[in-house]
Every structure is written in C-alpha cells, then in structure tokens.
Amino acid sequence: YKMILSRCLDFAFWVPNCPVAMLRPPPQVKGAVTEDDIMSFLPDVNTTCRVLMALNGLSQPLFLLLLEEVQAQLRDISDAIAERNSQLELPYPYLSPERIENSVAI
C-alpha cells in the first residue's frame, strides 16, 4: 500500500501531471494550444504549494493512524445505530455513517 501511495504521490507532485485546478476551460480544438495557454491553465504557485503540502500531510503515517481511528469510531456508531434500530418498530437508519456518502458533494 505504501509503495503504491508513494508512486501516486510522486506522480501527483509534478503539477503538470495532476494540476490542482484548471483556471480556464480546457481547449476545444486539438493542436491549437500554445505554451502560454498551458501556463494560463495552471494554478498560481501559492495555491499549488498549499495543495502539495496537504497531500504530503495526508500521506504521513500519523494521518493514516488517525484515519483508521476515525473509521473504527464510525463503525462503532453504525453498529450502535443498527442495534438500536433492530429493537424499533420503525427503524431510523438515515444518519448511520455507512449510509452517508464519502464525499463533500451534495
């Protein structure tokens, strides 16, 4: 796992491979892009550095341990909700962590 994550991070840390944001819409015509166009698509240095620092922090062993701890707590909450719902005539599973998406997208 660590080796795969390390390779992914090496790839992502080279900003042209994986830009953190596109500041303009992608080109509509193939072959009509200049070097200046490409540079205008990429985010500024400060934004890029902030994202790379976050990626680096998320790859540290301490973060991975914290992630495992949070996942264990979420499993405990799900188990408690399932136990409570097994005794209810009308269960309420809607706030169980296993029913909530793993995303900030709404």
N, C-alpha and C. Protein backbone atom coordinates (compact mmCIF):
# COMPACT_ATOMS: atom_id res chain seq x y z
N TYR A 1 0.82 -1.19 0.00
CA TYR A 1 0.00 0.00 0.00
C TYR A 1 0.87 1.26 0.00
N LYS A 2 1.85 1.29 0.88
CA LYS A 2 2.70 2.47 0.98
C LYS A 2 3.46 2.70 -0.33
N MET A 3 3.90 1.63 -0.98
CA MET A 3 4.64 1.79 -2.22
C MET A 3 3.74 2.36 -3.32
N ILE A 4 2.51 1.89 -3.38
CA ILE A 4 1.57 2.41 -4.38
C ILE A 4 1.26 3.86 -4.08
N LEU A 5 1.01 4.19 -2.81
CA LEU A 5 0.72 5.57 -2.43
C LEU A 5 1.91 6.47 -2.75
N SER A 6 3.11 5.98 -2.48
CA SER A 6 4.30 6.77 -2.75
C SER A 6 4.43 7.07 -4.23
N ARG A 7 4.17 6.08 -5.07
CA ARG A 7 4.25 6.30 -6.52
C ARG A 7 3.17 7.26 -6.99
N CYS A 8 1.99 7.15 -6.43
CA CYS A 8 0.91 8.08 -6.79
C CYS A 8 1.27 9.50 -6.40
N LEU A 9 1.85 9.66 -5.23
CA LEU A 9 2.24 11.00 -4.79
C LEU A 9 3.35 11.56 -5.65
N ASP A 10 4.32 10.72 -6.02
CA ASP A 10 5.39 11.19 -6.92
C ASP A 10 4.79 11.72 -8.22
N PHE A 11 3.80 11.02 -8.73
CA PHE A 11 3.15 11.46 -9.96
C PHE A 11 2.37 12.75 -9.74
N ALA A 12 1.62 12.81 -8.63
CA ALA A 12 0.77 13.97 -8.36
C ALA A 12 1.57 15.21 -7.99
N PHE A 13 2.74 15.02 -7.40
CA PHE A 13 3.54 16.19 -7.00
C PHE A 13 4.13 16.93 -8.20
N TRP A 14 4.16 16.31 -9.36
CA TRP A 14 4.60 17.02 -10.56
C TRP A 14 3.35 17.67 -11.14
N VAL A 15 3.20 18.96 -10.89
CA VAL A 15 1.95 19.68 -11.16
C VAL A 15 1.43 19.52 -12.58
N PRO A 16 2.24 19.55 -13.62
CA PRO A 16 1.65 19.36 -14.95
C PRO A 16 0.96 18.00 -15.13
N ASN A 17 1.38 16.98 -14.37
CA ASN A 17 0.70 15.68 -14.44
C ASN A 17 -0.69 15.73 -13.81
N CYS A 18 -0.80 16.49 -12.75
CA CYS A 18 -2.02 16.47 -11.94
C CYS A 18 -2.27 17.86 -11.36
N PRO A 19 -2.63 18.84 -12.18
CA PRO A 19 -2.82 20.18 -11.63
C PRO A 19 -3.94 20.20 -10.59
N VAL A 20 -3.78 21.03 -9.58
CA VAL A 20 -4.77 21.09 -8.51
C VAL A 20 -6.05 21.79 -8.95
N ALA A 21 -5.97 22.57 -10.01
CA ALA A 21 -7.14 23.26 -10.53
C ALA A 21 -6.85 23.69 -11.97
N MET A 22 -7.89 23.79 -12.74
CA MET A 22 -7.78 24.37 -14.08
C MET A 22 -8.41 25.74 -13.99
N LEU A 23 -7.65 26.76 -14.30
CA LEU A 23 -8.14 28.13 -14.15
C LEU A 23 -8.95 28.60 -15.36
N ARG A 24 -8.91 27.84 -16.42
CA ARG A 24 -9.69 28.15 -17.61
C ARG A 24 -10.30 26.86 -18.14
N PRO A 25 -11.34 26.95 -18.93
CA PRO A 25 -11.89 25.72 -19.52
C PRO A 25 -10.86 25.06 -20.44
N PRO A 26 -10.94 23.76 -20.61
CA PRO A 26 -10.00 23.08 -21.49
C PRO A 26 -10.17 23.56 -22.94
N PRO A 27 -9.12 23.45 -23.72
CA PRO A 27 -9.22 23.88 -25.12
C PRO A 27 -10.25 23.05 -25.89
N GLN A 28 -10.88 23.66 -26.84
CA GLN A 28 -11.91 22.99 -27.63
C GLN A 28 -11.36 22.42 -28.94
N VAL A 29 -10.18 22.89 -29.36
CA VAL A 29 -9.59 22.46 -30.62
C VAL A 29 -8.22 21.84 -30.35
N LYS A 30 -8.02 20.63 -30.86
CA LYS A 30 -6.73 19.96 -30.68
C LYS A 30 -5.64 20.67 -31.48
N GLY A 31 -4.46 20.76 -30.88
CA GLY A 31 -3.31 21.30 -31.56
C GLY A 31 -3.25 22.81 -31.62
N ALA A 32 -4.22 23.50 -31.04
CA ALA A 32 -4.25 24.96 -31.12
C ALA A 32 -3.82 25.61 -29.81
N VAL A 33 -3.13 24.85 -28.97
CA VAL A 33 -2.75 25.36 -27.66
C VAL A 33 -1.27 25.75 -27.67
N THR A 34 -0.99 26.92 -27.16
CA THR A 34 0.40 27.39 -27.07
C THR A 34 0.91 27.16 -25.65
N GLU A 35 2.20 27.34 -25.47
CA GLU A 35 2.79 27.21 -24.14
C GLU A 35 2.18 28.23 -23.18
N ASP A 36 1.93 29.44 -23.65
CA ASP A 36 1.28 30.46 -22.81
C ASP A 36 -0.11 30.03 -22.39
N ASP A 37 -0.84 29.36 -23.29
CA ASP A 37 -2.18 28.85 -22.93
C ASP A 37 -2.06 27.83 -21.81
N ILE A 38 -1.11 26.91 -21.95
CA ILE A 38 -0.93 25.88 -20.92
C ILE A 38 -0.60 26.51 -19.57
N MET A 39 0.29 27.47 -19.58
CA MET A 39 0.65 28.14 -18.32
C MET A 39 -0.54 28.88 -17.72
N SER A 40 -1.42 29.40 -18.56
CA SER A 40 -2.58 30.12 -18.03
C SER A 40 -3.62 29.16 -17.44
N PHE A 41 -3.58 27.88 -17.83
CA PHE A 41 -4.49 26.89 -17.26
C PHE A 41 -4.09 26.51 -15.84
N LEU A 42 -2.80 26.50 -15.57
CA LEU A 42 -2.28 26.01 -14.29
C LEU A 42 -2.48 27.03 -13.17
N PRO A 43 -2.68 26.56 -11.93
CA PRO A 43 -2.86 27.47 -10.80
C PRO A 43 -1.56 28.19 -10.44
N ASP A 44 -1.71 29.26 -9.66
CA ASP A 44 -0.52 30.01 -9.24
C ASP A 44 0.30 29.18 -8.24
N VAL A 45 1.51 29.63 -7.99
CA VAL A 45 2.46 28.89 -7.16
C VAL A 45 1.95 28.71 -5.73
N ASN A 46 1.36 29.74 -5.13
CA ASN A 46 0.89 29.63 -3.74
C ASN A 46 -0.20 28.59 -3.59
N THR A 47 -1.15 28.58 -4.50
CA THR A 47 -2.22 27.59 -4.45
C THR A 47 -1.65 26.19 -4.60
N THR A 48 -0.75 26.02 -5.54
CA THR A 48 -0.13 24.72 -5.77
C THR A 48 0.63 24.25 -4.53
N CYS A 49 1.40 25.14 -3.92
CA CYS A 49 2.17 24.76 -2.73
C CYS A 49 1.25 24.33 -1.59
N ARG A 50 0.14 25.04 -1.39
CA ARG A 50 -0.79 24.67 -0.32
C ARG A 50 -1.35 23.27 -0.54
N VAL A 51 -1.74 22.97 -1.76
CA VAL A 51 -2.30 21.65 -2.05
C VAL A 51 -1.24 20.56 -1.90
N LEU A 52 -0.03 20.83 -2.37
CA LEU A 52 1.04 19.83 -2.24
C LEU A 52 1.38 19.58 -0.78
N MET A 53 1.35 20.62 0.05
CA MET A 53 1.59 20.43 1.49
C MET A 53 0.49 19.57 2.10
N ALA A 54 -0.75 19.79 1.68
CA ALA A 54 -1.86 18.98 2.19
C ALA A 54 -1.70 17.53 1.75
N LEU A 55 -1.37 17.30 0.48
CA LEU A 55 -1.15 15.93 0.00
C LEU A 55 -0.03 15.24 0.78
N ASN A 56 1.04 15.97 1.01
CA ASN A 56 2.15 15.40 1.76
C ASN A 56 1.71 15.06 3.19
N GLY A 57 0.97 15.95 3.82
CA GLY A 57 0.49 15.69 5.18
C GLY A 57 -0.42 14.48 5.24
N LEU A 58 -1.27 14.31 4.22
CA LEU A 58 -2.20 13.19 4.20
C LEU A 58 -1.50 11.86 3.96
N SER A 59 -0.27 11.89 3.51
CA SER A 59 0.45 10.65 3.24
C SER A 59 1.32 10.22 4.42
N GLN A 60 1.34 10.98 5.49
CA GLN A 60 2.20 10.67 6.63
C GLN A 60 1.59 9.54 7.47
N PRO A 61 2.42 8.72 8.11
CA PRO A 61 1.91 7.60 8.92
C PRO A 61 0.96 8.04 10.03
N LEU A 62 1.21 9.20 10.65
CA LEU A 62 0.33 9.66 11.72
C LEU A 62 -1.07 9.89 11.20
N PHE A 63 -1.19 10.49 10.02
CA PHE A 63 -2.52 10.71 9.45
C PHE A 63 -3.22 9.39 9.19
N LEU A 64 -2.47 8.41 8.67
CA LEU A 64 -3.08 7.12 8.38
C LEU A 64 -3.58 6.44 9.65
N LEU A 65 -2.85 6.61 10.76
CA LEU A 65 -3.31 6.06 12.04
C LEU A 65 -4.58 6.77 12.51
N LEU A 66 -4.61 8.10 12.37
CA LEU A 66 -5.81 8.86 12.74
C LEU A 66 -7.00 8.46 11.88
N LEU A 67 -6.75 8.23 10.61
CA LEU A 67 -7.82 7.81 9.71
C LEU A 67 -8.40 6.47 10.15
N GLU A 68 -7.54 5.53 10.50
CA GLU A 68 -8.01 4.23 10.98
C GLU A 68 -8.83 4.38 12.26
N GLU A 69 -8.41 5.28 13.14
CA GLU A 69 -9.14 5.51 14.40
C GLU A 69 -10.53 6.08 14.12
N VAL A 70 -10.61 7.04 13.22
CA VAL A 70 -11.91 7.63 12.88
C VAL A 70 -12.81 6.58 12.23
N GLN A 71 -12.24 5.76 11.35
CA GLN A 71 -13.04 4.72 10.71
C GLN A 71 -13.57 3.72 11.74
N ALA A 72 -12.78 3.40 12.75
CA ALA A 72 -13.24 2.50 13.82
C ALA A 72 -14.38 3.14 14.60
N GLN A 73 -14.26 4.42 14.89
CA GLN A 73 -15.34 5.13 15.59
C GLN A 73 -16.62 5.14 14.76
N LEU A 74 -16.49 5.35 13.46
CA LEU A 74 -17.66 5.34 12.59
C LEU A 74 -18.30 3.96 12.55
N ARG A 75 -17.48 2.90 12.55
CA ARG A 75 -18.04 1.54 12.61
C ARG A 75 -18.81 1.32 13.90
N ASP A 76 -18.27 1.82 15.03
CA ASP A 76 -18.96 1.70 16.32
C ASP A 76 -20.30 2.42 16.30
N ILE A 77 -20.32 3.61 15.71
CA ILE A 77 -21.58 4.38 15.61
C ILE A 77 -22.58 3.61 14.76
N SER A 78 -22.13 3.07 13.63
CA SER A 78 -23.03 2.29 12.76
C SER A 78 -23.59 1.08 13.49
N ASP A 79 -22.73 0.39 14.24
CA ASP A 79 -23.17 -0.78 15.00
C ASP A 79 -24.20 -0.39 16.05
N ALA A 80 -23.98 0.73 16.75
CA ALA A 80 -24.94 1.19 17.77
C ALA A 80 -26.28 1.54 17.14
N ILE A 81 -26.24 2.20 15.99
CA ILE A 81 -27.49 2.56 15.31
C ILE A 81 -28.22 1.30 14.84
N ALA A 82 -27.47 0.32 14.30
CA ALA A 82 -28.09 -0.93 13.85
C ALA A 82 -28.71 -1.67 15.02
N GLU A 83 -28.02 -1.70 16.16
CA GLU A 83 -28.56 -2.36 17.36
C GLU A 83 -29.84 -1.68 17.83
N ARG A 84 -29.80 -0.34 17.89
CA ARG A 84 -31.00 0.41 18.30
C ARG A 84 -32.15 0.16 17.34
N ASN A 85 -31.86 0.20 16.03
CA ASN A 85 -32.91 0.03 15.04
C ASN A 85 -33.51 -1.37 15.04
N SER A 86 -32.73 -2.38 15.46
CA SER A 86 -33.26 -3.74 15.50
C SER A 86 -34.38 -3.88 16.53
N GLN A 87 -34.44 -2.95 17.49
CA GLN A 87 -35.46 -3.01 18.53
C GLN A 87 -36.62 -2.04 18.28
N LEU A 88 -36.55 -1.28 17.20
CA LEU A 88 -37.59 -0.30 16.90
C LEU A 88 -38.59 -0.86 15.89
N GLU A 89 -39.83 -0.46 16.06
CA GLU A 89 -40.85 -0.85 15.09
C GLU A 89 -40.62 -0.15 13.75
N LEU A 90 -40.22 1.11 13.82
CA LEU A 90 -39.92 1.89 12.63
C LEU A 90 -38.47 2.36 12.73
N PRO A 91 -37.55 1.62 12.10
CA PRO A 91 -36.13 1.97 12.23
C PRO A 91 -35.80 3.33 11.59
N TYR A 92 -34.76 3.95 12.09
CA TYR A 92 -34.29 5.23 11.55
C TYR A 92 -32.80 5.09 11.23
N PRO A 93 -32.47 4.57 10.03
CA PRO A 93 -31.07 4.33 9.69
C PRO A 93 -30.39 5.49 8.97
N TYR A 94 -31.06 6.59 8.78
CA TYR A 94 -30.61 7.63 7.86
C TYR A 94 -29.31 8.33 8.26
N LEU A 95 -29.00 8.37 9.54
CA LEU A 95 -27.77 9.03 9.96
C LEU A 95 -26.64 8.05 10.26
N SER A 96 -26.85 6.80 9.88
CA SER A 96 -25.80 5.81 10.06
C SER A 96 -24.65 6.14 9.11
N PRO A 97 -23.41 6.17 9.62
CA PRO A 97 -22.28 6.52 8.76
C PRO A 97 -22.16 5.66 7.50
N GLU A 98 -22.60 4.42 7.57
CA GLU A 98 -22.48 3.58 6.37
C GLU A 98 -23.48 3.96 5.28
N ARG A 99 -24.46 4.79 5.61
CA ARG A 99 -25.44 5.25 4.61
C ARG A 99 -25.08 6.64 4.07
N ILE A 100 -24.05 7.26 4.60
CA ILE A 100 -23.67 8.61 4.20
C ILE A 100 -22.51 8.50 3.21
N GLU A 101 -22.61 9.26 2.12
CA GLU A 101 -21.58 9.24 1.08
C GLU A 101 -20.22 9.67 1.62
N ASN A 102 -19.16 9.12 1.05
CA ASN A 102 -17.77 9.50 1.37
C ASN A 102 -17.35 10.66 0.49
N SER A 103 -18.05 11.77 0.57
CA SER A 103 -17.74 12.87 -0.31
C SER A 103 -18.30 14.14 0.29
N VAL A 104 -17.76 15.25 -0.17
CA VAL A 104 -18.33 16.54 0.23
C VAL A 104 -19.36 17.00 -0.79
N ALA A 105 -19.53 16.24 -1.87
CA ALA A 105 -20.52 16.57 -2.90
C ALA A 105 -21.92 16.35 -2.35
N ILE A 106 -22.78 17.26 -2.68
CA ILE A 106 -24.17 17.14 -2.21
C ILE A 106 -25.07 16.93 -3.42
